[in-house]
Amino acid sequence: MIDRRIIKNFDYTLLVVTLLIIAFGLIILSSATHATMTRDGDTLTYVKKQTLSIILGFIGMFIIIKADYSNFVKYSKFVYVVNIVLLVAVLVIGSLQNGAKSWIPLGPFYLQPAEFAKIAIIVTFAVYLTKREGQMNRFVDLIPTFIFFGLPLGLIMMQPDLGSGLVFIAIYFGMLFVGGARPRNLVILILIGALFVGGVLAGQLVFGMDGPLEKYQLDRLTIFVDPYKDPRGAGYHVIQSQVALGSGGVLGKGLYKGTQTQLNFLPEQRNDFIFSVVGEETGFVGASLLMLLFYIFVYRSIKIAMGAKDLMGSLLATGIVSMIVFHLLVNIGMAAGIMPITGIPLPFFSYGGSSMLANLLGVGILFNVYIRRQALTF
């Protein structure tokens, strides 16, 4: 049973917009996989699996809602350790797919620990920063946070999963800013990081040195600048995505009628490039509607972060907002050809059980913070 106090204090706007995004996503996923015949001959296999993930996600969401987020402190160390164990486990027993060892096979399903690691690091880092409230003024105070974030981030990069690694960095800076770190120190940290990353990339690209990224990942990072330099290789994804988006026009070609999608010219159309399916089959109108829904989602989430009753609530909501916004910017930018291809899914839209579960757990955290923004009364 759900406490009627929770029902009374619920953010129904966020709930409705989340349901609308998910429903829209299932419709687009149905079209994106319509021409993909699975072994059992069922064209709805992916939709059914996604629906199961949604159901499990909502169950997890309501479990989180019922637990007061202030109690997260008790389980923070345990969550952090389990997170590390899973990230180590995927390196040992994980399945290699698309050049990355990021999935643990569980029968017909695959668990992607990096997706849940995002939620785990948000919860544990929120506890970490809350305990050190007012103690993040100096640059030296940030050094322990490098270790806190660096361990799971390093394990993720060993897979290698560049996309999830970048999401971790976005979460890190978003939460540090709200946690009291001085903007000047964050700017210095960003510059140091940019110089380090730039040096590593230059070493691999220019001098052929060994580095954390595979050759195909390096190609994806640079090819978006001029995809026609290698139209049948690294640039193929970007070109086909741009063709799909541009050919949709104002109203789109209609569901199940997009040529790039239905003829399988568009790669990864159920995952990384599902926004291109939206553009091709529902046009500018459908893409704009989706972006409006995401805008409302982000706006409500920011309001929740600003209206939280304490620092921990603000940090939790900020972590979720940072994660979702970064996913949106990079995924849509990827589809439009203005961002590097990093394998970051579109929240609540791209096919993937782990991603959907993690996102809905994140929504559960947002609801938790909103419901407890003030004392619950009967």
Protein backbone atom coordinates (compact mmCIF):
# COMPACT_ATOMS: atom_id res chain seq x y z
CA MET A 1 0.00 0.00 0.00
CA ILE A 2 1.15 3.51 -0.83
CA ASP A 3 0.85 5.97 2.05
CA ARG A 4 -1.84 8.55 1.26
CA ARG A 5 0.57 11.25 2.43
CA ILE A 6 2.79 10.32 -0.49
CA ILE A 7 -0.15 10.48 -2.90
CA LYS A 8 -1.07 13.92 -1.53
CA ASN A 9 2.45 15.32 -2.03
CA PHE A 10 3.19 13.69 -5.39
CA ASP A 11 4.54 15.61 -8.40
CA TYR A 12 1.91 14.60 -10.93
CA THR A 13 3.32 16.86 -13.64
CA LEU A 14 6.62 14.97 -13.61
CA LEU A 15 4.78 11.65 -13.52
CA VAL A 16 2.58 12.48 -16.53
CA VAL A 17 5.45 13.83 -18.63
CA THR A 18 7.56 10.75 -17.81
CA LEU A 19 4.71 8.46 -18.88
CA LEU A 20 4.21 10.43 -22.10
CA ILE A 21 7.92 10.20 -22.98
CA ILE A 22 7.94 6.45 -22.29
CA ALA A 23 4.76 5.87 -24.32
CA PHE A 24 6.17 7.90 -27.22
CA GLY A 25 9.38 5.89 -26.93
CA LEU A 26 7.56 2.54 -27.18
CA ILE A 27 5.74 3.70 -30.32
CA ILE A 28 8.99 4.80 -31.97
CA LEU A 29 10.79 1.62 -30.82
CA SER A 30 8.00 -0.43 -32.41
CA SER A 31 8.62 1.31 -35.72
CA ALA A 32 12.41 1.26 -35.40
CA THR A 33 12.41 -2.53 -34.93
CA HIS A 34 9.47 -3.33 -37.23
CA ALA A 35 11.76 -4.47 -40.05
CA THR A 36 14.01 -6.42 -37.68
CA MET A 37 12.85 -10.01 -37.64
CA THR A 38 14.01 -11.92 -34.57
CA ARG A 39 14.56 -15.68 -34.45
CA ASP A 40 11.03 -16.31 -33.22
CA GLY A 41 9.57 -14.21 -36.05
CA ASP A 42 8.09 -11.67 -33.62
CA THR A 43 8.53 -8.04 -34.72
CA LEU A 44 7.49 -6.86 -31.24
CA THR A 45 10.21 -8.71 -29.33
CA TYR A 46 12.13 -5.55 -28.50
CA VAL A 47 8.97 -3.70 -27.49
CA LYS A 48 7.96 -6.52 -25.16
CA LYS A 49 11.39 -6.62 -23.52
CA GLN A 50 11.36 -2.85 -23.14
CA THR A 51 7.89 -3.00 -21.59
CA LEU A 52 9.09 -5.57 -19.07
CA SER A 53 11.98 -3.25 -18.16
CA ILE A 54 9.50 -0.38 -17.72
CA ILE A 55 7.34 -2.44 -15.39
CA LEU A 56 10.35 -3.48 -13.31
CA GLY A 57 11.54 0.13 -13.35
CA PHE A 58 8.26 1.43 -11.95
CA ILE A 59 8.34 -1.22 -9.22
CA GLY A 60 11.86 -0.09 -8.29
CA MET A 61 10.77 3.55 -8.50
CA PHE A 62 7.95 3.09 -5.99
CA ILE A 63 10.23 1.15 -3.65
CA ILE A 64 12.62 4.12 -3.64
CA ILE A 65 9.74 6.58 -3.16
CA LYS A 66 8.61 4.85 0.03
CA ALA A 67 12.09 5.03 1.62
CA ASP A 68 12.98 8.43 3.07
CA TYR A 69 16.10 9.60 1.21
CA SER A 70 17.67 10.72 4.50
CA ASN A 71 18.12 7.00 5.26
CA PHE A 72 20.39 6.62 2.23
CA VAL A 73 23.23 7.57 4.59
CA LYS A 74 22.95 4.19 6.31
CA TYR A 75 23.49 2.24 3.09
CA SER A 76 25.91 4.54 1.28
CA LYS A 77 29.08 2.50 1.91
CA PHE A 78 27.32 -0.74 1.02
CA VAL A 79 26.01 0.74 -2.25
CA TYR A 80 29.46 2.05 -3.15
CA VAL A 81 31.10 -1.35 -2.53
CA VAL A 82 28.43 -3.25 -4.49
CA ASN A 83 28.87 -0.77 -7.31
CA ILE A 84 32.63 -1.45 -7.45
CA VAL A 85 32.08 -5.22 -7.27
CA LEU A 86 29.72 -5.13 -10.25
CA LEU A 87 32.09 -2.98 -12.29
CA VAL A 88 34.92 -5.42 -11.56
CA ALA A 89 32.67 -8.41 -12.31
CA VAL A 90 31.78 -7.15 -15.78
CA LEU A 91 35.50 -6.99 -16.64
CA VAL A 92 35.91 -10.61 -15.55
CA ILE A 93 32.73 -12.35 -16.75
CA GLY A 94 31.23 -9.73 -19.03
CA SER A 95 30.20 -10.31 -22.63
CA LEU A 96 32.15 -8.48 -25.35
CA GLN A 97 29.83 -6.53 -27.64
CA ASN A 98 30.68 -3.73 -30.07
CA GLY A 99 34.25 -3.67 -28.82
CA ALA A 100 33.32 -3.15 -25.15
CA LYS A 101 33.02 -5.55 -22.24
CA SER A 102 30.07 -3.79 -20.63
CA TRP A 103 27.37 -6.44 -20.21
CA ILE A 104 26.88 -9.37 -17.84
CA PRO A 105 24.73 -12.07 -19.53
CA LEU A 106 21.76 -13.22 -17.44
CA GLY A 107 19.97 -15.76 -19.61
CA PRO A 108 18.10 -13.89 -22.36
CA PHE A 109 18.89 -10.54 -20.70
CA TYR A 110 22.05 -8.49 -20.29
CA LEU A 111 22.90 -6.42 -17.23
CA GLN A 112 24.92 -3.25 -17.87
CA PRO A 113 26.48 -2.29 -14.52
CA ALA A 114 27.65 1.12 -15.80
CA GLU A 115 24.03 2.30 -16.04
CA PHE A 116 23.32 1.45 -12.40
CA ALA A 117 26.73 2.84 -11.44
CA LYS A 118 25.44 6.30 -12.42
CA ILE A 119 22.62 6.07 -9.87
CA ALA A 120 24.90 4.53 -7.26
CA ILE A 121 27.48 7.30 -7.59
CA ILE A 122 24.77 9.98 -7.35
CA VAL A 123 23.44 8.52 -4.10
CA THR A 124 26.84 7.88 -2.53
CA PHE A 125 28.38 11.19 -3.64
CA ALA A 126 25.35 13.06 -2.27
CA VAL A 127 26.01 11.45 1.12
CA TYR A 128 29.75 12.22 0.82
CA LEU A 129 29.20 15.91 0.06
CA THR A 130 26.46 16.31 2.69
CA LYS A 131 28.83 15.06 5.40
CA ARG A 132 31.35 17.67 4.22
CA GLU A 133 28.96 20.58 3.89
CA GLY A 134 30.89 23.86 3.99
CA GLN A 135 34.23 22.05 3.56
CA MET A 136 34.65 22.33 -0.22
CA ASN A 137 36.04 25.86 -0.40
CA ARG A 138 39.68 25.10 -1.23
CA PHE A 139 41.03 23.28 -4.25
CA VAL A 140 42.83 20.81 -1.98
CA ASP A 141 39.42 19.82 -0.55
CA LEU A 142 38.50 18.43 -3.96
CA ILE A 143 41.38 15.95 -4.07
CA PRO A 144 39.58 13.18 -2.08
CA THR A 145 36.68 13.45 -4.52
CA PHE A 146 39.04 12.44 -7.34
CA ILE A 147 39.58 9.11 -5.64
CA PHE A 148 35.89 8.71 -4.79
CA PHE A 149 34.88 9.20 -8.45
CA GLY A 150 38.11 7.98 -9.99
CA LEU A 151 37.81 4.35 -8.90
CA PRO A 152 34.43 3.56 -10.56
CA LEU A 153 35.26 5.87 -13.48
CA GLY A 154 38.54 4.06 -14.08
CA LEU A 155 36.78 0.67 -14.07
CA ILE A 156 34.22 1.96 -16.58
CA MET A 157 36.96 3.26 -18.88
CA MET A 158 38.64 -0.17 -18.74
CA GLN A 159 35.61 -1.75 -20.44
CA PRO A 160 36.00 0.68 -22.35
CA ASP A 161 32.75 2.68 -22.09
CA LEU A 162 33.55 6.26 -23.06
CA GLY A 163 29.92 7.41 -23.02
CA SER A 164 29.25 6.36 -19.42
CA GLY A 165 32.61 7.82 -18.40
CA LEU A 166 31.59 11.21 -19.77
CA VAL A 167 28.26 11.01 -17.95
CA PHE A 168 30.16 10.40 -14.71
CA ILE A 169 32.15 13.58 -15.29
CA ALA A 170 28.96 15.60 -15.91
CA ILE A 171 27.45 14.26 -12.67
CA TYR A 172 30.67 15.03 -10.80
CA PHE A 173 30.80 18.70 -11.77
CA GLY A 174 27.05 19.27 -11.39
CA MET A 175 27.00 17.89 -7.86
CA LEU A 176 30.24 19.58 -6.84
CA PHE A 177 28.84 22.96 -7.90
CA VAL A 178 25.72 22.52 -5.77
CA GLY A 179 27.78 20.93 -2.99
CA GLY A 180 29.63 24.18 -2.37
CA ALA A 181 32.78 23.98 -4.50
CA ARG A 182 33.94 27.39 -5.67
CA PRO A 183 33.31 28.04 -9.39
CA ARG A 184 36.93 29.21 -9.77
CA ASN A 185 38.22 25.86 -8.53
CA LEU A 186 35.86 23.99 -10.83
CA VAL A 187 37.07 26.02 -13.80
CA ILE A 188 40.68 25.22 -12.89
CA LEU A 189 39.76 21.56 -12.58
CA ILE A 190 38.04 21.61 -15.98
CA LEU A 191 41.09 23.21 -17.60
CA ILE A 192 43.43 20.64 -16.04
CA GLY A 193 41.14 17.84 -17.17
CA ALA A 194 40.87 19.27 -20.69
CA LEU A 195 44.65 19.53 -20.98
CA PHE A 196 45.09 15.97 -19.72
CA VAL A 197 42.44 14.51 -22.03
CA GLY A 198 43.72 16.60 -24.93
CA GLY A 199 47.23 15.32 -24.31
CA VAL A 200 46.09 11.68 -24.18
CA LEU A 201 44.06 12.05 -27.39
CA ALA A 202 46.90 13.84 -29.14
CA GLY A 203 49.26 11.09 -28.08
CA GLN A 204 47.01 8.44 -29.60
CA LEU A 205 45.94 10.34 -32.71
CA VAL A 206 49.17 12.07 -33.66
CA PHE A 207 51.93 9.91 -32.22
CA GLY A 208 50.20 6.51 -32.18
CA MET A 209 50.81 5.99 -28.47
CA ASP A 210 48.85 3.44 -26.45
CA GLY A 211 45.87 4.88 -24.60
CA PRO A 212 42.52 4.04 -23.00
CA LEU A 213 40.51 4.33 -26.23
CA GLU A 214 40.23 1.85 -29.07
CA LYS A 215 40.84 3.01 -32.64
CA TYR A 216 37.12 2.87 -33.50
CA GLN A 217 36.37 5.12 -30.52
CA LEU A 218 38.97 7.64 -31.63
CA ASP A 219 37.47 7.61 -35.13
CA ARG A 220 34.02 8.31 -33.72
CA LEU A 221 35.32 11.20 -31.65
CA THR A 222 36.74 12.98 -34.67
CA ILE A 223 34.73 11.87 -37.71
CA PHE A 224 31.67 14.04 -36.91
CA VAL A 225 33.70 17.08 -37.99
CA ASP A 226 33.85 15.72 -41.56
CA PRO A 227 31.92 12.44 -41.90
CA TYR A 228 32.39 12.39 -45.67
CA LYS A 229 36.08 11.81 -45.11
CA ASP A 230 35.15 8.16 -44.54
CA PRO A 231 31.50 7.84 -45.75
CA ARG A 232 31.45 4.03 -45.75
CA GLY A 233 33.36 3.60 -42.54
CA ALA A 234 33.46 5.76 -39.42
CA GLY A 235 31.36 8.51 -41.03
CA TYR A 236 28.54 6.19 -42.11
CA HIS A 237 26.57 6.51 -38.85
CA VAL A 238 26.59 10.30 -38.89
CA ILE A 239 25.70 10.59 -42.58
CA GLN A 240 22.76 8.18 -42.40
CA SER A 241 21.48 9.87 -39.24
CA GLN A 242 21.56 13.30 -40.87
CA VAL A 243 19.81 11.96 -43.96
CA ALA A 244 17.08 10.43 -41.79
CA LEU A 245 16.56 13.63 -39.78
CA GLY A 246 16.56 15.88 -42.84
CA SER A 247 14.27 13.71 -44.93
CA GLY A 248 11.49 13.81 -42.33
CA GLY A 249 10.55 17.38 -43.17
CA VAL A 250 7.85 19.06 -41.12
CA LEU A 251 5.40 16.21 -40.54
CA GLY A 252 7.60 13.18 -41.24
CA LYS A 253 7.10 10.20 -43.51
CA GLY A 254 4.81 8.44 -41.07
CA LEU A 255 5.32 5.55 -38.66
CA TYR A 256 6.71 2.41 -40.32
CA LYS A 257 7.32 4.43 -43.50
CA GLY A 258 10.77 5.91 -42.95
CA THR A 259 13.05 4.59 -45.69
CA GLN A 260 16.31 5.00 -43.74
CA THR A 261 14.73 3.22 -40.78
CA GLN A 262 12.68 0.48 -42.44
CA LEU A 263 15.37 -0.43 -44.98
CA ASN A 264 17.97 -0.58 -42.21
CA PHE A 265 20.25 2.09 -43.64
CA LEU A 266 20.21 3.82 -40.26
CA PRO A 267 22.56 1.98 -37.87
CA GLU A 268 21.76 1.43 -34.18
CA GLN A 269 18.28 2.79 -34.84
CA ARG A 270 16.79 1.28 -31.70
CA ASN A 271 19.63 2.54 -29.50
CA ASP A 272 21.99 5.43 -30.11
CA PHE A 273 20.18 6.85 -33.16
CA ILE A 274 16.55 6.43 -32.17
CA PHE A 275 16.10 10.22 -32.24
CA SER A 276 16.84 10.04 -35.97
CA VAL A 277 13.85 7.70 -36.30
CA VAL A 278 11.72 10.31 -34.54
CA GLY A 279 12.89 12.95 -37.00
CA GLU A 280 12.38 10.82 -40.10
CA GLU A 281 8.98 9.37 -39.27
CA THR A 282 7.34 12.15 -37.24
CA GLY A 283 9.25 15.09 -38.67
CA PHE A 284 10.05 18.44 -37.11
CA VAL A 285 6.70 18.40 -35.27
CA GLY A 286 7.33 15.05 -33.58
CA ALA A 287 10.94 15.88 -32.71
CA SER A 288 9.88 19.25 -31.29
CA LEU A 289 7.14 17.60 -29.23
CA LEU A 290 9.63 15.16 -27.77
CA MET A 291 12.07 17.95 -26.93
CA LEU A 292 9.24 19.90 -25.30
CA LEU A 293 8.41 16.90 -23.12
CA PHE A 294 12.06 16.59 -22.12
CA TYR A 295 12.18 20.33 -21.40
CA ILE A 296 9.24 20.00 -19.01
CA PHE A 297 10.90 16.98 -17.39
CA VAL A 298 14.18 18.85 -16.86
CA TYR A 299 12.40 22.02 -15.68
CA ARG A 300 10.41 20.10 -13.06
CA SER A 301 13.57 18.27 -11.97
CA ILE A 302 15.46 21.53 -11.50
CA LYS A 303 12.54 22.90 -9.48
CA ILE A 304 12.72 19.83 -7.28
CA ALA A 305 16.44 20.37 -6.74
CA MET A 306 15.90 24.02 -5.84
CA GLY A 307 12.95 23.29 -3.55
CA ALA A 308 14.52 20.44 -1.58
CA LYS A 309 14.41 20.78 2.19
CA ASP A 310 18.14 20.14 2.66
CA LEU A 311 21.46 19.89 0.87
CA MET A 312 21.26 16.15 0.41
CA GLY A 313 17.93 16.42 -1.37
CA SER A 314 19.32 19.13 -3.66
CA LEU A 315 22.40 17.03 -4.41
CA LEU A 316 20.38 13.93 -5.25
CA ALA A 317 18.11 15.84 -7.62
CA THR A 318 21.07 17.70 -9.14
CA GLY A 319 22.84 14.42 -9.86
CA ILE A 320 19.79 13.05 -11.69
CA VAL A 321 19.34 16.31 -13.64
CA SER A 322 23.02 16.35 -14.62
CA MET A 323 22.79 12.77 -15.85
CA ILE A 324 19.59 13.27 -17.88
CA VAL A 325 20.61 16.62 -19.40
CA PHE A 326 24.00 15.29 -20.48
CA HIS A 327 22.33 12.25 -22.07
CA LEU A 328 19.92 14.50 -23.94
CA LEU A 329 22.52 16.97 -25.21
CA VAL A 330 24.96 14.33 -26.40
CA ASN A 331 22.44 11.86 -27.86
CA ILE A 332 20.47 14.46 -29.82
CA GLY A 333 23.70 16.20 -30.81
CA MET A 334 25.02 12.84 -32.00
CA ALA A 335 21.97 12.30 -34.18
CA ALA A 336 22.31 15.80 -35.65
CA GLY A 337 26.01 15.30 -36.35
CA ILE A 338 27.23 18.08 -34.08
CA MET A 339 28.56 15.88 -31.27
CA PRO A 340 30.96 12.92 -31.29
CA ILE A 341 29.47 9.42 -31.34
CA THR A 342 29.94 8.14 -27.81
CA GLY A 343 27.21 5.53 -27.42
CA ILE A 344 25.05 7.50 -24.99
CA PRO A 345 21.36 6.43 -25.09
CA LEU A 346 18.34 8.73 -25.20
CA PRO A 347 16.67 8.56 -21.75
CA PHE A 348 13.40 6.56 -21.58
CA PHE A 349 13.61 6.08 -25.37
CA SER A 350 16.60 4.01 -26.47
CA TYR A 351 16.21 0.26 -26.24
CA GLY A 352 17.97 -1.18 -23.22
CA GLY A 353 16.70 -2.67 -19.99
CA SER A 354 19.52 -1.45 -17.77
CA SER A 355 19.21 2.11 -19.06
CA MET A 356 15.45 2.16 -18.59
CA LEU A 357 15.67 0.70 -15.09
CA ALA A 358 18.37 3.16 -14.05
CA ASN A 359 16.45 6.14 -15.44
CA LEU A 360 13.25 5.16 -13.63
CA LEU A 361 15.18 4.66 -10.39
CA GLY A 362 16.46 8.19 -10.95
CA VAL A 363 12.89 9.44 -11.35
CA GLY A 364 12.06 7.66 -8.11
CA ILE A 365 14.78 9.67 -6.37
CA LEU A 366 13.32 12.90 -7.78
CA PHE A 367 9.87 11.98 -6.47
CA ASN A 368 11.40 11.05 -3.11
CA VAL A 369 13.02 14.48 -2.77
CA TYR A 370 9.88 16.31 -3.91
CA ILE A 371 7.52 14.42 -1.60
CA ARG A 372 9.74 15.14 1.41
CA ARG A 373 10.36 18.82 0.63
CA GLN A 374 8.29 19.51 3.73
CA ALA A 375 6.99 17.51 6.68
CA LEU A 376 4.47 14.90 5.56
CA THR A 377 1.08 15.49 7.17
CA PHE A 378 -2.19 13.62 7.06
